[in-house]
Amino acid sequence: VQLQASGGGLVETGDSLRLSCAASLRTFNARIMAWFRQAPGKDREFVAAIKWRDDMTYYADSVRGRFTISRDNAKNTVYLQMNNLRPDDTAVYYCAASRSGWSGTPFYERNYPYWGQGTLVTVSS
């Protein structure tokens, strides 16, 4: 099982980035996919998730309206489109996958047994 995140980089306030996470998972289309992030000196926090059953999406309050999570089941890939980036969005972003067929509360790290290596997003002011 492997999750490969990419797309991070150094941008300025107000810029956009799109993160991708390619998953070598069987039954990708039956898993909740999520993005978490960890800023320097802080705990990892939930950013966004997308369910497999109905593509319902969930967002942290801090990113709602600026970030969009989506998935392409044909490519086994989940995306995070990040617009209007701010310095407090600076963090390592991790993608995560749930167990196949699970459809519970998507906000907590403990519900994701599979994690990518992270991609760094730095937003300068």
C-alpha atoms as a PDB file:
ATOM      1  CA  VAL A   1       0.000   0.000   0.000  1.00  0.00           C
ATOM      2  CA  GLN A   2       1.484   3.292  -1.056  1.00  0.00           C
ATOM      3  CA  LEU A   3       0.241   6.864  -1.163  1.00  0.00           C
ATOM      4  CA  GLN A   4       2.396   9.326  -3.076  1.00  0.00           C
ATOM      5  CA  ALA A   5       1.660  13.002  -2.491  1.00  0.00           C
ATOM      6  CA  SER A   6       3.003  15.702  -4.780  1.00  0.00           C
ATOM      7  CA  GLY A   7       2.423  19.283  -5.841  1.00  0.00           C
ATOM      8  CA  GLY A   8       3.763  21.233  -2.891  1.00  0.00           C
ATOM      9  CA  GLY A   9       6.025  24.213  -3.255  1.00  0.00           C
ATOM     10  CA  LEU A  10       6.787  27.808  -2.347  1.00  0.00           C
ATOM     11  CA  VAL A  11       4.103  30.325  -3.288  1.00  0.00           C
ATOM     12  CA  GLU A  12       3.037  33.810  -2.297  1.00  0.00           C
ATOM     13  CA  THR A  13      -0.056  34.897  -0.404  1.00  0.00           C
ATOM     14  CA  GLY A  14      -3.103  34.680  -2.637  1.00  0.00           C
ATOM     15  CA  ASP A  15      -1.603  32.102  -4.995  1.00  0.00           C
ATOM     16  CA  SER A  16      -3.014  28.655  -5.779  1.00  0.00           C
ATOM     17  CA  LEU A  17      -1.615  25.140  -5.712  1.00  0.00           C
ATOM     18  CA  ARG A  18      -3.039  21.737  -6.506  1.00  0.00           C
ATOM     19  CA  LEU A  19      -1.850  18.770  -4.521  1.00  0.00           C
ATOM     20  CA  SER A  20      -2.191  15.251  -5.871  1.00  0.00           C
ATOM     21  CA  CYS A  21      -2.065  11.916  -4.110  1.00  0.00           C
ATOM     22  CA  ALA A  22      -1.705   8.788  -6.191  1.00  0.00           C
ATOM     23  CA  ALA A  23      -2.702   5.611  -4.386  1.00  0.00           C
ATOM     24  CA  SER A  24      -1.602   2.090  -5.132  1.00  0.00           C
ATOM     25  CA  LEU A  25      -4.587   0.688  -3.284  1.00  0.00           C
ATOM     26  CA  ARG A  26      -7.037  -1.930  -4.275  1.00  0.00           C
ATOM     27  CA  THR A  27     -10.606  -0.746  -3.953  1.00  0.00           C
ATOM     28  CA  PHE A  28      -9.565   2.925  -4.035  1.00  0.00           C
ATOM     29  CA  ASN A  29     -13.134   3.737  -4.990  1.00  0.00           C
ATOM     30  CA  ALA A  30     -14.392   2.241  -1.727  1.00  0.00           C
ATOM     31  CA  ARG A  31     -12.208   4.305   0.609  1.00  0.00           C
ATOM     32  CA  ILE A  32     -12.562   7.693   2.225  1.00  0.00           C
ATOM     33  CA  MET A  33      -9.625   9.845   1.168  1.00  0.00           C
ATOM     34  CA  ALA A  34      -8.443  12.772   3.237  1.00  0.00           C
ATOM     35  CA  TRP A  35      -5.829  15.478   3.553  1.00  0.00           C
ATOM     36  CA  PHE A  36      -4.251  16.469   6.832  1.00  0.00           C
ATOM     37  CA  ARG A  37      -1.509  19.001   7.483  1.00  0.00           C
ATOM     38  CA  GLN A  38       1.118  19.686  10.096  1.00  0.00           C
ATOM     39  CA  ALA A  39       2.536  23.148  10.570  1.00  0.00           C
ATOM     40  CA  PRO A  40       5.910  23.649  12.280  1.00  0.00           C
ATOM     41  CA  GLY A  41       5.585  23.117  15.998  1.00  0.00           C
ATOM     42  CA  LYS A  42       1.935  22.097  15.805  1.00  0.00           C
ATOM     43  CA  ASP A  43      -0.059  18.876  15.816  1.00  0.00           C
ATOM     44  CA  ARG A  44      -1.305  17.387  12.614  1.00  0.00           C
ATOM     45  CA  GLU A  45      -4.803  18.600  11.769  1.00  0.00           C
ATOM     46  CA  PHE A  46      -7.643  17.619   9.479  1.00  0.00           C
ATOM     47  CA  VAL A  47      -7.996  19.626   6.267  1.00  0.00           C
ATOM     48  CA  ALA A  48     -10.497  17.882   3.990  1.00  0.00           C
ATOM     49  CA  ALA A  49     -12.018  14.513   3.169  1.00  0.00           C
ATOM     50  CA  ILE A  50     -14.127  12.957   0.454  1.00  0.00           C
ATOM     51  CA  LYS A  51     -16.295   9.907   0.952  1.00  0.00           C
ATOM     52  CA  TRP A  52     -16.512   7.093  -1.538  1.00  0.00           C
ATOM     53  CA  ARG A  53     -20.192   6.282  -1.226  1.00  0.00           C
ATOM     54  CA  ASP A  54     -21.581   9.608  -2.391  1.00  0.00           C
ATOM     55  CA  ASP A  55     -18.510  11.863  -2.884  1.00  0.00           C
ATOM     56  CA  MET A  56     -19.636  13.927   0.089  1.00  0.00           C
ATOM     57  CA  THR A  57     -16.914  16.357   1.118  1.00  0.00           C
ATOM     58  CA  TYR A  58     -15.838  17.724   4.469  1.00  0.00           C
ATOM     59  CA  TYR A  59     -13.596  20.681   5.273  1.00  0.00           C
ATOM     60  CA  ALA A  60     -11.934  22.295   8.218  1.00  0.00           C
ATOM     61  CA  ASP A  61     -13.384  25.711   8.945  1.00  0.00           C
ATOM     62  CA  SER A  62     -10.034  27.329   8.207  1.00  0.00           C
ATOM     63  CA  VAL A  63     -10.026  26.157   4.574  1.00  0.00           C
ATOM     64  CA  ARG A  64     -13.709  25.985   3.667  1.00  0.00           C
ATOM     65  CA  GLY A  65     -14.405  28.126   0.630  1.00  0.00           C
ATOM     66  CA  ARG A  66     -10.731  28.213  -0.400  1.00  0.00           C
ATOM     67  CA  PHE A  67      -9.815  24.521  -0.744  1.00  0.00           C
ATOM     68  CA  THR A  68     -11.564  21.843  -2.793  1.00  0.00           C
ATOM     69  CA  ILE A  69     -11.011  18.103  -2.478  1.00  0.00           C
ATOM     70  CA  SER A  70     -11.843  15.819  -5.383  1.00  0.00           C
ATOM     71  CA  ARG A  71     -11.077  12.313  -6.539  1.00  0.00           C
ATOM     72  CA  ASP A  72     -10.593  10.480  -9.808  1.00  0.00           C
ATOM     73  CA  ASN A  73     -11.334   6.822  -9.179  1.00  0.00           C
ATOM     74  CA  ALA A  74     -10.128   5.853 -12.654  1.00  0.00           C
ATOM     75  CA  LYS A  75      -6.690   7.226 -11.783  1.00  0.00           C
ATOM     76  CA  ASN A  76      -6.688   6.216  -8.102  1.00  0.00           C
ATOM     77  CA  THR A  77      -5.884   9.825  -7.304  1.00  0.00           C
ATOM     78  CA  VAL A  78      -7.217  12.406  -4.875  1.00  0.00           C
ATOM     79  CA  TYR A  79      -6.613  16.115  -5.314  1.00  0.00           C
ATOM     80  CA  LEU A  80      -6.606  19.183  -3.120  1.00  0.00           C
ATOM     81  CA  GLN A  81      -7.079  22.438  -4.974  1.00  0.00           C
ATOM     82  CA  MET A  82      -5.898  25.255  -2.730  1.00  0.00           C
ATOM     83  CA  ASN A  83      -6.817  28.809  -3.657  1.00  0.00           C
ATOM     84  CA  ASN A  84      -6.164  32.134  -1.982  1.00  0.00           C
ATOM     85  CA  LEU A  85      -3.354  30.641   0.064  1.00  0.00           C
ATOM     86  CA  ARG A  86      -2.286  32.358   3.274  1.00  0.00           C
ATOM     87  CA  PRO A  87       0.897  32.143   5.354  1.00  0.00           C
ATOM     88  CA  ASP A  88      -0.955  30.107   7.993  1.00  0.00           C
ATOM     89  CA  ASP A  89      -1.542  27.418   5.355  1.00  0.00           C
ATOM     90  CA  THR A  90       2.193  26.684   5.494  1.00  0.00           C
ATOM     91  CA  ALA A  91       2.568  23.038   6.489  1.00  0.00           C
ATOM     92  CA  VAL A  92       3.456  19.564   5.368  1.00  0.00           C
ATOM     93  CA  TYR A  93       0.339  18.137   3.738  1.00  0.00           C
ATOM     94  CA  TYR A  94      -0.406  14.432   4.053  1.00  0.00           C
ATOM     95  CA  CYS A  95      -2.913  12.345   2.199  1.00  0.00           C
ATOM     96  CA  ALA A  96      -4.577   9.445   3.965  1.00  0.00           C
ATOM     97  CA  ALA A  97      -6.844   6.561   3.067  1.00  0.00           C
ATOM     98  CA  SER A  98      -9.401   4.702   5.138  1.00  0.00           C
ATOM     99  CA  ARG A  99     -10.008   0.968   5.173  1.00  0.00           C
ATOM    100  CA  SER A 100     -11.996  -0.316   2.242  1.00  0.00           C
ATOM    101  CA  GLY A 101     -15.735  -0.004   2.755  1.00  0.00           C
ATOM    102  CA  TRP A 102     -15.476   2.151   5.869  1.00  0.00           C
ATOM    103  CA  SER A 103     -17.819   5.107   5.972  1.00  0.00           C
ATOM    104  CA  GLY A 104     -17.533   6.697   9.394  1.00  0.00           C
ATOM    105  CA  THR A 105     -16.537  10.090  10.727  1.00  0.00           C
ATOM    106  CA  PRO A 106     -13.773  11.416   8.489  1.00  0.00           C
ATOM    107  CA  PHE A 107     -12.142  13.983  10.801  1.00  0.00           C
ATOM    108  CA  TYR A 108      -9.810  11.885  12.911  1.00  0.00           C
ATOM    109  CA  GLU A 109      -6.355  10.520  12.152  1.00  0.00           C
ATOM    110  CA  ARG A 110      -7.146   7.246  13.893  1.00  0.00           C
ATOM    111  CA  ASN A 111      -9.612   6.377  11.140  1.00  0.00           C
ATOM    112  CA  TYR A 112      -6.892   6.295   8.461  1.00  0.00           C
ATOM    113  CA  PRO A 113      -4.445   3.388   8.490  1.00  0.00           C
ATOM    114  CA  TYR A 114      -2.703   4.436   5.271  1.00  0.00           C
ATOM    115  CA  TRP A 115      -0.634   7.605   4.906  1.00  0.00           C
ATOM    116  CA  GLY A 116       1.501   9.272   2.292  1.00  0.00           C
ATOM    117  CA  GLN A 117       4.901  10.786   2.955  1.00  0.00           C
ATOM    118  CA  GLY A 118       3.775  14.412   2.877  1.00  0.00           C
ATOM    119  CA  THR A 119       4.448  17.348   0.596  1.00  0.00           C
ATOM    120  CA  LEU A 120       5.586  20.740   1.868  1.00  0.00           C
ATOM    121  CA  VAL A 121       3.574  23.855   1.115  1.00  0.00           C
ATOM    122  CA  THR A 122       5.166  27.166   2.039  1.00  0.00           C
ATOM    123  CA  VAL A 123       3.226  30.395   1.649  1.00  0.00           C
ATOM    124  CA  SER A 124       5.221  33.598   1.922  1.00  0.00           C
ATOM    125  CA  SER A 125       3.676  36.879   3.016  1.00  0.00           C
END
